[in-house]
Each structure stands twice: as structure tokens, then as C-alpha cells.
Amino acid sequence: MKKIMLLCMGLFLTACAPNHSFVFLDQTAVDQGTGLVWSKNANLPGKPLLWKADDNVYSFVQKLNSDNYAGYADWRVPTKDEMAELIAYAKSLGYDKNKLETWPFQKLRQLGFIDVRDYDYWTSTRRSPEELWVADLASGQILPKSEAKPYYLWPVRGGNRSK
């Protein structure tokens, strides 16, 4: 009886889980579950960027948009929820904190994303006047961190910008 109950729960949870699959194009990856379009390269700037500085996150996003990167001019910094959902999907593919090859950044690389770093990525969601939520793609955690430190940027477009 317990086995049947566990099997039913597993099937139910599988049916309720977001149906993520990515369609990889030349420069982008479309998340079929959310409709978000991610840059295929998770490190377009080639280095971590500061939130506020001459060479910052928003000036890089503005440049992507003015250059019409991948044919689009509405790139932005992902929200906390968007990064959390991407990490949750990567973890759903088989995560074990003791096995490096199962960490979120590795799973996202295995899917087909390029240059995904095992470090922190910006989100656009503030926690306080001095802190933003940052996505750690090694551990899979979303943590508040200082806006004064440099982190990686993974541009996205589409979806709900309000969160």
C-alpha cells in the first residue's frame, strides 16, 4: 500500500512540475515552460560586473539592447524568481551536493548553455537599499549580497518583470 501511495505521489508531482525544455538557437535558449528567452552564453560580458560603476550591469544590458543582440532590444537582468526557477529545474535533473557534476552550473552546461560559471549571478530583485538577491549557480542558493561586489550577468528577455 505504501509503495502504491508513493508511486501516486511521484506521478502527481511529476505532472504538476513545470514542463521545462529548452530550444537552443544560435545565441539564445527559449524556455518552453516559461517563455523566457535566455542568452545561450551565461557570461556574455566575459567577466563579473558591478551594479554601480562606469562598466556596470545596466550599461552592459543597454549595449545589448542598442546592438540588437540576437535580434532583440529588450534584454534585462533576470528577477530572483526567474533565476530560482532556472536553478530548481537544473536541480530537478539530479542534484547531489557531494557530486560536482550534478551542481546547477554543470547541469545547465549539460543542457547546452555556454560558459555557465560556478559563481554568483545578479538578479534585479532588491532585498534592501544596499543588497540584491544573487543566484549562486554552484550551490543553487539565492542569497542577499552587497551591490558593491561584482557578480556575473546572465541576460534574459520576456516574462514578468515585476518580481
N, C-alpha and C. Protein backbone atom coordinates (compact mmCIF):
# COMPACT_ATOMS: atom_id res chain seq x y z
N MET A 1 0.83 -1.20 0.00
CA MET A 1 0.00 0.00 0.00
C MET A 1 0.87 1.26 0.00
N LYS A 2 1.94 1.26 0.82
CA LYS A 2 2.82 2.42 0.87
C LYS A 2 3.48 2.67 -0.48
N LYS A 3 3.87 1.58 -1.15
CA LYS A 3 4.51 1.72 -2.46
C LYS A 3 3.57 2.35 -3.48
N ILE A 4 2.32 1.94 -3.44
CA ILE A 4 1.34 2.50 -4.37
C ILE A 4 1.12 3.97 -4.08
N MET A 5 1.04 4.30 -2.79
CA MET A 5 0.85 5.70 -2.39
C MET A 5 2.04 6.55 -2.84
N LEU A 6 3.26 6.06 -2.64
CA LEU A 6 4.46 6.79 -3.06
C LEU A 6 4.51 6.94 -4.58
N LEU A 7 4.13 5.89 -5.29
CA LEU A 7 4.11 5.95 -6.75
C LEU A 7 3.11 7.00 -7.22
N CYS A 8 1.93 7.01 -6.63
CA CYS A 8 0.91 8.00 -6.99
C CYS A 8 1.39 9.42 -6.70
N MET A 9 2.03 9.62 -5.55
CA MET A 9 2.54 10.95 -5.21
C MET A 9 3.61 11.38 -6.20
N GLY A 10 4.49 10.47 -6.57
CA GLY A 10 5.53 10.78 -7.54
C GLY A 10 4.96 11.16 -8.88
N LEU A 11 3.95 10.43 -9.34
CA LEU A 11 3.31 10.75 -10.62
C LEU A 11 2.61 12.10 -10.56
N PHE A 12 1.95 12.38 -9.42
CA PHE A 12 1.27 13.66 -9.25
C PHE A 12 2.27 14.82 -9.29
N LEU A 13 3.37 14.69 -8.55
CA LEU A 13 4.38 15.75 -8.52
C LEU A 13 5.01 15.95 -9.89
N THR A 14 5.23 14.87 -10.61
CA THR A 14 5.80 14.98 -11.96
C THR A 14 4.83 15.71 -12.87
N ALA A 15 3.54 15.40 -12.76
CA ALA A 15 2.54 16.04 -13.61
C ALA A 15 2.40 17.53 -13.29
N CYS A 16 2.61 17.90 -12.03
CA CYS A 16 2.47 19.30 -11.62
C CYS A 16 3.72 20.13 -11.85
N ALA A 17 4.84 19.49 -12.05
CA ALA A 17 6.10 20.22 -12.22
C ALA A 17 6.08 21.02 -13.52
N PRO A 18 6.72 22.19 -13.54
CA PRO A 18 6.77 22.96 -14.78
C PRO A 18 7.44 22.14 -15.88
N ASN A 19 6.90 22.24 -17.07
CA ASN A 19 7.43 21.48 -18.20
C ASN A 19 8.50 22.31 -18.88
N HIS A 20 9.70 22.21 -18.37
CA HIS A 20 10.81 22.93 -18.96
C HIS A 20 11.44 22.09 -20.04
N SER A 21 11.67 22.69 -21.12
CA SER A 21 12.59 22.15 -22.12
C SER A 21 13.08 23.37 -22.86
N PHE A 22 14.30 23.32 -23.30
CA PHE A 22 14.90 24.48 -23.93
C PHE A 22 15.11 24.21 -25.41
N VAL A 23 14.79 25.21 -26.20
CA VAL A 23 15.10 25.18 -27.62
C VAL A 23 16.30 26.10 -27.80
N PHE A 24 17.42 25.51 -28.17
CA PHE A 24 18.66 26.27 -28.33
C PHE A 24 18.79 26.74 -29.76
N LEU A 25 18.96 28.04 -29.90
CA LEU A 25 19.20 28.65 -31.20
C LEU A 25 20.65 29.12 -31.23
N ASP A 26 21.00 29.94 -32.19
CA ASP A 26 22.39 30.36 -32.33
C ASP A 26 22.90 31.09 -31.09
N GLN A 27 22.16 32.10 -30.62
CA GLN A 27 22.62 32.92 -29.49
C GLN A 27 21.70 32.88 -28.28
N THR A 28 20.59 32.16 -28.40
CA THR A 28 19.60 32.17 -27.32
C THR A 28 19.11 30.75 -27.01
N ALA A 29 18.42 30.65 -25.88
CA ALA A 29 17.75 29.42 -25.48
C ALA A 29 16.36 29.81 -24.99
N VAL A 30 15.33 29.25 -25.60
CA VAL A 30 13.96 29.55 -25.24
C VAL A 30 13.47 28.48 -24.27
N ASP A 31 13.03 28.92 -23.10
CA ASP A 31 12.46 28.02 -22.10
C ASP A 31 11.00 27.79 -22.47
N GLN A 32 10.69 26.59 -22.92
CA GLN A 32 9.33 26.27 -23.35
C GLN A 32 8.33 26.27 -22.19
N GLY A 33 8.82 26.15 -20.96
CA GLY A 33 7.93 26.16 -19.80
C GLY A 33 7.51 27.55 -19.37
N THR A 34 8.42 28.51 -19.49
CA THR A 34 8.13 29.87 -19.00
C THR A 34 7.99 30.89 -20.12
N GLY A 35 8.51 30.56 -21.30
CA GLY A 35 8.52 31.52 -22.41
C GLY A 35 9.68 32.49 -22.35
N LEU A 36 10.50 32.39 -21.31
CA LEU A 36 11.66 33.28 -21.21
C LEU A 36 12.69 32.92 -22.28
N VAL A 37 13.39 33.93 -22.76
CA VAL A 37 14.49 33.73 -23.70
C VAL A 37 15.76 34.13 -22.98
N TRP A 38 16.64 33.16 -22.76
CA TRP A 38 17.91 33.38 -22.08
C TRP A 38 19.01 33.50 -23.12
N SER A 39 20.02 34.29 -22.81
CA SER A 39 21.22 34.28 -23.63
C SER A 39 21.82 32.88 -23.52
N LYS A 40 22.18 32.29 -24.64
CA LYS A 40 22.80 30.96 -24.61
C LYS A 40 24.12 31.00 -23.85
N ASN A 41 24.84 32.11 -23.99
CA ASN A 41 26.09 32.33 -23.28
C ASN A 41 25.77 32.96 -21.92
N ALA A 42 26.07 32.25 -20.85
CA ALA A 42 25.77 32.73 -19.50
C ALA A 42 26.82 33.70 -18.96
N ASN A 43 27.76 34.08 -19.81
CA ASN A 43 28.81 35.03 -19.40
C ASN A 43 29.13 35.96 -20.57
N LEU A 44 28.11 36.59 -21.12
CA LEU A 44 28.32 37.49 -22.26
C LEU A 44 29.33 38.60 -21.98
N PRO A 45 29.32 39.23 -20.80
CA PRO A 45 30.31 40.28 -20.55
C PRO A 45 31.75 39.76 -20.50
N GLY A 46 31.91 38.47 -20.22
CA GLY A 46 33.25 37.89 -20.13
C GLY A 46 33.92 38.10 -18.79
N LYS A 47 33.19 38.70 -17.85
CA LYS A 47 33.75 38.97 -16.52
C LYS A 47 32.60 39.37 -15.60
N PRO A 48 32.82 39.31 -14.28
CA PRO A 48 31.81 39.82 -13.36
C PRO A 48 31.69 41.34 -13.50
N LEU A 49 30.48 41.85 -13.27
CA LEU A 49 30.23 43.29 -13.37
C LEU A 49 29.73 43.83 -12.04
N LEU A 50 29.99 45.10 -11.81
CA LEU A 50 29.46 45.79 -10.64
C LEU A 50 28.05 46.28 -10.93
N TRP A 51 27.27 46.49 -9.88
CA TRP A 51 25.92 47.02 -10.04
C TRP A 51 25.98 48.50 -10.43
N LYS A 52 26.85 49.25 -9.73
CA LYS A 52 27.00 50.69 -10.00
C LYS A 52 28.47 50.98 -10.25
N ALA A 53 28.79 51.43 -11.43
CA ALA A 53 30.16 51.80 -11.80
C ALA A 53 30.11 52.25 -13.25
N ASP A 54 31.26 52.65 -13.80
CA ASP A 54 31.28 53.02 -15.21
C ASP A 54 30.94 51.82 -16.10
N ASP A 55 31.54 50.69 -15.78
CA ASP A 55 31.32 49.47 -16.54
C ASP A 55 30.42 48.57 -15.71
N ASN A 56 29.09 48.83 -15.74
CA ASN A 56 28.20 48.14 -14.83
C ASN A 56 27.17 47.27 -15.55
N VAL A 57 26.36 46.61 -14.75
CA VAL A 57 25.34 45.69 -15.25
C VAL A 57 24.40 46.39 -16.23
N TYR A 58 23.87 47.53 -15.84
CA TYR A 58 22.87 48.18 -16.69
C TYR A 58 23.47 48.79 -17.95
N SER A 59 24.70 49.26 -17.90
CA SER A 59 25.31 49.76 -19.14
C SER A 59 25.55 48.60 -20.10
N PHE A 60 25.87 47.42 -19.57
CA PHE A 60 26.05 46.26 -20.45
C PHE A 60 24.71 45.86 -21.08
N VAL A 61 23.64 45.84 -20.30
CA VAL A 61 22.32 45.49 -20.83
C VAL A 61 21.89 46.53 -21.87
N GLN A 62 22.14 47.81 -21.60
CA GLN A 62 21.82 48.85 -22.59
C GLN A 62 22.56 48.63 -23.89
N LYS A 63 23.82 48.21 -23.80
CA LYS A 63 24.61 47.94 -25.01
C LYS A 63 24.03 46.75 -25.77
N LEU A 64 23.65 45.70 -25.05
CA LEU A 64 23.00 44.56 -25.72
C LEU A 64 21.78 45.02 -26.50
N ASN A 65 20.97 45.88 -25.86
CA ASN A 65 19.75 46.35 -26.50
C ASN A 65 20.03 47.29 -27.66
N SER A 66 20.99 48.19 -27.52
CA SER A 66 21.31 49.10 -28.63
C SER A 66 21.95 48.34 -29.79
N ASP A 67 22.66 47.25 -29.49
CA ASP A 67 23.26 46.41 -30.54
C ASP A 67 22.26 45.40 -31.11
N ASN A 68 21.06 45.37 -30.55
CA ASN A 68 20.03 44.43 -31.00
C ASN A 68 20.54 42.98 -30.93
N TYR A 69 21.13 42.63 -29.79
CA TYR A 69 21.74 41.31 -29.62
C TYR A 69 20.74 40.20 -29.92
N ALA A 70 21.14 39.27 -30.76
CA ALA A 70 20.33 38.11 -31.18
C ALA A 70 19.00 38.54 -31.80
N GLY A 71 18.93 39.78 -32.28
CA GLY A 71 17.71 40.27 -32.92
C GLY A 71 16.69 40.87 -31.97
N TYR A 72 17.08 41.11 -30.72
CA TYR A 72 16.16 41.65 -29.72
C TYR A 72 16.74 42.89 -29.06
N ALA A 73 15.85 43.78 -28.63
CA ALA A 73 16.27 45.01 -27.96
C ALA A 73 15.57 45.18 -26.61
N ASP A 74 15.22 44.06 -25.99
CA ASP A 74 14.53 44.14 -24.69
C ASP A 74 15.16 43.21 -23.65
N TRP A 75 16.47 43.09 -23.69
CA TRP A 75 17.20 42.28 -22.70
C TRP A 75 17.16 42.98 -21.35
N ARG A 76 17.26 42.20 -20.28
CA ARG A 76 17.21 42.74 -18.93
C ARG A 76 17.91 41.79 -17.97
N VAL A 77 18.03 42.21 -16.73
CA VAL A 77 18.56 41.38 -15.65
C VAL A 77 17.41 40.51 -15.15
N PRO A 78 17.62 39.21 -14.98
CA PRO A 78 16.53 38.35 -14.51
C PRO A 78 16.12 38.66 -13.07
N THR A 79 14.88 38.34 -12.75
CA THR A 79 14.40 38.51 -11.38
C THR A 79 14.89 37.35 -10.51
N LYS A 80 14.73 37.53 -9.22
CA LYS A 80 15.07 36.47 -8.26
C LYS A 80 14.27 35.20 -8.57
N ASP A 81 12.98 35.36 -8.84
CA ASP A 81 12.12 34.20 -9.11
C ASP A 81 12.52 33.49 -10.39
N GLU A 82 12.91 34.24 -11.41
CA GLU A 82 13.33 33.61 -12.67
C GLU A 82 14.61 32.80 -12.49
N MET A 83 15.56 33.35 -11.76
CA MET A 83 16.80 32.60 -11.51
C MET A 83 16.52 31.39 -10.61
N ALA A 84 15.64 31.56 -9.62
CA ALA A 84 15.30 30.45 -8.73
C ALA A 84 14.65 29.31 -9.51
N GLU A 85 13.80 29.65 -10.46
CA GLU A 85 13.14 28.62 -11.27
C GLU A 85 14.14 27.90 -12.17
N LEU A 86 15.08 28.64 -12.74
CA LEU A 86 16.12 28.03 -13.57
C LEU A 86 16.98 27.07 -12.73
N ILE A 87 17.34 27.49 -11.53
CA ILE A 87 18.13 26.65 -10.63
C ILE A 87 17.33 25.42 -10.21
N ALA A 88 16.06 25.61 -9.89
CA ALA A 88 15.22 24.48 -9.48
C ALA A 88 15.12 23.45 -10.60
N TYR A 89 15.01 23.92 -11.83
CA TYR A 89 14.97 22.99 -12.96
C TYR A 89 16.29 22.23 -13.07
N ALA A 90 17.40 22.94 -12.96
CA ALA A 90 18.71 22.28 -13.04
C ALA A 90 18.84 21.22 -11.94
N LYS A 91 18.40 21.56 -10.74
CA LYS A 91 18.47 20.61 -9.62
C LYS A 91 17.55 19.41 -9.85
N SER A 92 16.43 19.63 -10.53
CA SER A 92 15.49 18.53 -10.78
C SER A 92 16.08 17.48 -11.72
N LEU A 93 17.15 17.81 -12.39
CA LEU A 93 17.80 16.87 -13.31
C LEU A 93 18.74 15.92 -12.59
N GLY A 94 18.81 16.04 -11.27
CA GLY A 94 19.64 15.15 -10.46
C GLY A 94 20.72 15.92 -9.73
N TYR A 95 20.42 16.33 -8.52
CA TYR A 95 21.36 17.14 -7.73
C TYR A 95 21.84 16.37 -6.52
N ASP A 96 23.14 16.39 -6.30
CA ASP A 96 23.75 15.83 -5.10
C ASP A 96 24.88 16.78 -4.71
N LYS A 97 24.73 17.44 -3.56
CA LYS A 97 25.73 18.44 -3.17
C LYS A 97 27.13 17.87 -3.06
N ASN A 98 27.24 16.55 -2.96
CA ASN A 98 28.56 15.91 -2.84
C ASN A 98 29.16 15.52 -4.19
N LYS A 99 28.43 15.76 -5.27
CA LYS A 99 28.92 15.40 -6.61
C LYS A 99 28.93 16.64 -7.49
N LEU A 100 30.12 17.15 -7.75
CA LEU A 100 30.29 18.37 -8.53
C LEU A 100 29.56 18.33 -9.87
N GLU A 101 29.56 17.18 -10.52
CA GLU A 101 28.94 17.09 -11.85
C GLU A 101 27.43 17.25 -11.82
N THR A 102 26.82 17.28 -10.62
CA THR A 102 25.36 17.47 -10.52
C THR A 102 24.98 18.87 -10.07
N TRP A 103 25.94 19.72 -9.82
CA TRP A 103 25.63 21.07 -9.35
C TRP A 103 24.92 21.85 -10.46
N PRO A 104 24.11 22.84 -10.11
CA PRO A 104 23.32 23.54 -11.12
C PRO A 104 24.11 24.07 -12.31
N PHE A 105 25.27 24.69 -12.08
CA PHE A 105 26.02 25.23 -13.22
C PHE A 105 26.42 24.12 -14.18
N GLN A 106 26.73 22.93 -13.67
CA GLN A 106 27.10 21.79 -14.53
C GLN A 106 25.90 21.28 -15.31
N LYS A 107 24.76 21.17 -14.64
CA LYS A 107 23.55 20.69 -15.32
C LYS A 107 23.13 21.65 -16.43
N LEU A 108 23.27 22.95 -16.19
CA LEU A 108 22.92 23.94 -17.22
C LEU A 108 23.89 23.86 -18.39
N ARG A 109 25.14 23.59 -18.13
CA ARG A 109 26.12 23.37 -19.21
C ARG A 109 25.74 22.13 -20.01
N GLN A 110 25.36 21.07 -19.30
CA GLN A 110 24.99 19.82 -19.96
C GLN A 110 23.77 19.99 -20.86
N LEU A 111 22.87 20.91 -20.49
CA LEU A 111 21.70 21.19 -21.33
C LEU A 111 22.08 21.85 -22.64
N GLY A 112 23.17 22.64 -22.64
CA GLY A 112 23.60 23.32 -23.85
C GLY A 112 23.95 24.78 -23.68
N PHE A 113 23.82 25.30 -22.45
CA PHE A 113 24.24 26.67 -22.20
C PHE A 113 25.76 26.74 -22.21
N ILE A 114 26.28 27.90 -22.57
CA ILE A 114 27.72 28.11 -22.73
C ILE A 114 28.25 28.97 -21.58
N ASP A 115 29.41 28.63 -21.08
CA ASP A 115 30.16 29.43 -20.11
C ASP A 115 29.36 29.76 -18.84
N VAL A 116 28.60 28.79 -18.35
CA VAL A 116 27.89 28.96 -17.07
C VAL A 116 28.94 28.84 -15.97
N ARG A 117 29.02 29.85 -15.11
CA ARG A 117 30.04 29.91 -14.06
C ARG A 117 29.54 29.32 -12.75
N ASP A 118 30.45 28.76 -12.00
CA ASP A 118 30.12 28.21 -10.68
C ASP A 118 30.28 29.31 -9.63
N TYR A 119 29.55 30.38 -9.86
CA TYR A 119 29.68 31.55 -9.00
C TYR A 119 28.34 32.27 -8.95
N ASP A 120 28.35 33.50 -8.43
CA ASP A 120 27.14 34.27 -8.21
C ASP A 120 26.74 35.07 -9.45
N TYR A 121 25.41 35.12 -9.67
CA TYR A 121 24.82 35.89 -10.77
C TYR A 121 23.82 36.90 -10.21
N TRP A 122 23.82 38.07 -10.82
CA TRP A 122 22.89 39.13 -10.43
C TRP A 122 21.44 38.72 -10.67
N THR A 123 20.55 39.22 -9.82
CA THR A 123 19.12 39.29 -10.13
C THR A 123 18.76 40.77 -9.99
N SER A 124 17.61 41.14 -10.49
CA SER A 124 17.17 42.54 -10.40
C SER A 124 16.38 42.81 -9.13
N THR A 125 16.22 41.81 -8.29
CA THR A 125 15.36 41.91 -7.11
C THR A 125 16.15 42.39 -5.90
N ARG A 126 15.71 43.52 -5.34
CA ARG A 126 16.36 44.08 -4.16
C ARG A 126 15.85 43.43 -2.88
N ARG A 127 16.76 43.32 -1.93
CA ARG A 127 16.39 42.91 -0.58
C ARG A 127 16.37 44.12 0.35
N SER A 128 17.28 45.04 0.11
CA SER A 128 17.39 46.26 0.92
C SER A 128 18.04 47.32 0.03
N PRO A 129 18.18 48.55 0.53
CA PRO A 129 18.83 49.58 -0.30
C PRO A 129 20.26 49.24 -0.72
N GLU A 130 20.95 48.41 0.05
CA GLU A 130 22.34 48.07 -0.28
C GLU A 130 22.52 46.64 -0.80
N GLU A 131 21.46 45.83 -0.77
CA GLU A 131 21.60 44.42 -1.15
C GLU A 131 20.59 44.02 -2.22
N LEU A 132 21.06 43.11 -3.07
CA LEU A 132 20.19 42.46 -4.04
C LEU A 132 20.29 40.96 -3.83
N TRP A 133 19.29 40.24 -4.31
CA TRP A 133 19.35 38.79 -4.27
C TRP A 133 20.27 38.34 -5.39
N VAL A 134 21.15 37.40 -5.08
CA VAL A 134 22.14 36.90 -6.03
C VAL A 134 21.99 35.37 -6.09
N ALA A 135 22.08 34.83 -7.30
CA ALA A 135 21.94 33.38 -7.52
C ALA A 135 23.31 32.73 -7.57
N ASP A 136 23.56 31.81 -6.66
CA ASP A 136 24.81 31.05 -6.63
C ASP A 136 24.59 29.78 -7.44
N LEU A 137 25.18 29.71 -8.63
CA LEU A 137 24.95 28.56 -9.50
C LEU A 137 25.80 27.35 -9.15
N ALA A 138 26.65 27.47 -8.15
CA ALA A 138 27.37 26.30 -7.64
C ALA A 138 26.47 25.57 -6.64
N SER A 139 26.06 26.26 -5.60
CA SER A 139 25.25 25.64 -4.54
C SER A 139 23.77 25.59 -4.89
N GLY A 140 23.34 26.46 -5.77
CA GLY A 140 21.92 26.53 -6.10
C GLY A 140 21.12 27.38 -5.14
N GLN A 141 21.79 28.18 -4.34
CA GLN A 141 21.09 29.04 -3.38
C GLN A 141 20.91 30.44 -3.95
N ILE A 142 19.86 31.11 -3.47
CA ILE A 142 19.63 32.52 -3.78
C ILE A 142 19.84 33.25 -2.46
N LEU A 143 20.82 34.14 -2.44
CA LEU A 143 21.20 34.80 -1.19
C LEU A 143 21.27 36.31 -1.38
N PRO A 144 21.00 37.09 -0.31
CA PRO A 144 21.19 38.53 -0.41
C PRO A 144 22.67 38.86 -0.31
N LYS A 145 23.13 39.71 -1.22
CA LYS A 145 24.54 40.10 -1.21
C LYS A 145 24.66 41.58 -1.55
N SER A 146 25.80 42.13 -1.20
CA SER A 146 26.07 43.55 -1.39
C SER A 146 26.10 43.93 -2.87
N GLU A 147 25.52 45.06 -3.18
CA GLU A 147 25.59 45.55 -4.56
C GLU A 147 26.97 46.11 -4.89
N ALA A 148 27.84 46.23 -3.90
CA ALA A 148 29.18 46.78 -4.10
C ALA A 148 30.17 45.75 -4.65
N LYS A 149 29.78 44.49 -4.72
CA LYS A 149 30.67 43.43 -5.20
C LYS A 149 30.32 43.08 -6.65
N PRO A 150 31.30 42.58 -7.41
CA PRO A 150 31.00 42.18 -8.79
C PRO A 150 30.47 40.74 -8.86
N TYR A 151 29.46 40.54 -9.71
CA TYR A 151 28.90 39.22 -9.96
C TYR A 151 28.68 39.07 -11.47
N TYR A 152 28.37 37.87 -11.89
CA TYR A 152 28.12 37.62 -13.31
C TYR A 152 26.71 38.06 -13.69
N LEU A 153 26.53 38.30 -14.97
CA LEU A 153 25.23 38.71 -15.51
C LEU A 153 24.81 37.69 -16.56
N TRP A 154 23.57 37.20 -16.46
CA TRP A 154 23.00 36.29 -17.45
C TRP A 154 21.73 36.94 -17.99
N PRO A 155 21.82 37.62 -19.12
CA PRO A 155 20.67 38.36 -19.65
C PRO A 155 19.50 37.45 -20.04
N VAL A 156 18.31 38.01 -19.89
CA VAL A 156 17.07 37.32 -20.22
C VAL A 156 16.12 38.32 -20.85
N ARG A 157 15.12 37.82 -21.55
CA ARG A 157 14.07 38.68 -22.08
C ARG A 157 12.74 37.95 -21.98
N GLY A 158 11.65 38.74 -22.02
CA GLY A 158 10.32 38.15 -21.92
C GLY A 158 9.90 37.96 -20.48
N GLY A 159 8.71 37.38 -20.29
CA GLY A 159 8.23 37.06 -18.95
C GLY A 159 7.74 38.27 -18.19
N ASN A 160 7.56 38.07 -16.88
CA ASN A 160 7.02 39.09 -15.98
C ASN A 160 8.17 39.80 -15.28
N ARG A 161 8.29 41.09 -15.50
CA ARG A 161 9.39 41.87 -14.92
C ARG A 161 9.11 42.40 -13.53
N SER A 162 7.92 42.21 -13.02
CA SER A 162 7.53 42.90 -11.78
C SER A 162 8.07 42.26 -10.51
N LYS A 163 8.59 41.05 -10.56
CA LYS A 163 9.03 40.39 -9.32
C LYS A 163 10.48 40.59 -9.07
